Protein backbone atom coordinates (compact mmCIF):
# COMPACT_ATOMS: atom_id res chain seq x y z
CA UNK A 1 88.62 -38.42 20.87
CA UNK A 2 88.65 -37.69 17.19
CA UNK A 3 86.51 -40.05 15.13
CA UNK A 4 88.74 -39.62 12.06
CA UNK A 5 91.64 -41.17 13.99
CA UNK A 6 89.83 -44.50 14.46
CA UNK A 7 91.42 -47.05 12.10
CA UNK A 8 89.15 -48.18 9.26
CA UNK A 9 88.95 -51.82 8.21
CA UNK A 10 89.68 -53.32 11.61
CA UNK A 11 87.61 -54.19 14.67
CA UNK A 12 87.03 -51.41 17.18
CA UNK A 13 84.37 -49.74 19.29
CA UNK A 14 81.02 -49.97 17.49
CA UNK A 15 82.09 -52.81 15.17
CA UNK A 16 79.73 -55.68 14.54
CA UNK A 17 81.60 -58.95 14.09
CA UNK A 18 80.53 -62.48 13.22
CA UNK A 19 82.69 -65.18 14.74
CA UNK A 20 82.88 -68.81 13.72
CA UNK A 21 83.98 -71.58 16.05
CA UNK A 22 85.86 -73.87 13.67
CA UNK A 23 85.63 -76.82 16.07
CA UNK A 24 81.88 -76.69 16.64
CA UNK A 25 80.86 -74.94 13.42
CA UNK A 26 78.79 -72.40 15.36
CA UNK A 27 78.56 -68.71 14.47
CA UNK A 28 77.78 -65.80 16.77
CA UNK A 29 77.48 -62.07 16.08
CA UNK A 30 78.59 -59.42 18.55
CA UNK A 31 78.74 -55.63 18.62
CA UNK A 32 81.66 -54.13 20.55
CA UNK A 33 80.43 -51.49 22.99
CA UNK A 34 81.52 -49.53 26.05
CA UNK A 35 81.44 -51.52 29.31
CA UNK A 36 78.46 -49.62 30.70
CA UNK A 37 76.05 -50.97 28.07
CA UNK A 38 77.48 -54.47 27.55
CA UNK A 39 74.88 -57.25 27.57
CA UNK A 40 76.04 -60.62 26.23
CA UNK A 41 72.46 -61.91 25.88
CA UNK A 42 71.81 -59.03 23.45
CA UNK A 43 75.10 -59.58 21.62
CA UNK A 44 76.70 -56.45 23.11
CA UNK A 45 80.29 -57.24 24.18
CA UNK A 46 82.43 -54.83 26.15
CA UNK A 47 85.69 -53.74 24.55
CA UNK A 48 87.20 -54.26 28.03
CA UNK A 49 86.15 -57.93 28.23
CA UNK A 50 88.47 -60.80 27.25
CA UNK A 51 86.51 -61.31 24.02
CA UNK A 52 86.48 -57.59 23.23
CA UNK A 53 90.20 -57.19 23.90
CA UNK A 54 90.95 -60.25 21.80
CA UNK A 55 89.07 -58.83 18.82
CA UNK A 56 90.35 -55.24 18.87
CA UNK A 57 92.34 -54.30 15.77
CA UNK A 58 91.66 -57.62 14.03
CA UNK A 59 90.66 -57.67 10.38
CA UNK A 60 88.16 -59.73 8.41
CA UNK A 61 89.47 -63.24 7.92
CA UNK A 62 91.84 -63.17 10.90
CA UNK A 63 91.94 -66.29 13.05
CA UNK A 64 92.16 -65.55 16.77
CA UNK A 65 92.30 -67.52 19.99
CA UNK A 66 90.79 -65.74 22.97
CA UNK A 67 91.51 -66.64 26.60
CA UNK A 68 88.29 -66.59 28.62
CA UNK A 69 87.68 -67.39 32.31
CA UNK A 70 86.38 -70.89 31.50
CA UNK A 71 89.36 -71.75 29.26
CA UNK A 72 90.05 -70.50 25.76
CA UNK A 73 88.09 -70.33 22.57
CA UNK A 74 89.11 -69.96 18.97
CA UNK A 75 86.13 -68.24 17.35
């Protein structure tokens, strides 16, 4: 994999993102990582998880709705 081919300015592996739940007003910060080191309690979210997949290639200011096993969330 060539690092220079990773798009700049959008969410990808290694990105740190802050999400806001508009309904509850809560914010949470995650870093997108490979599945082997994912640890939600430490804020490390797998790029293969529903949240990780829902955030890939998004840009700052995008509004997303992510389907998760317990329903859906719009961070």
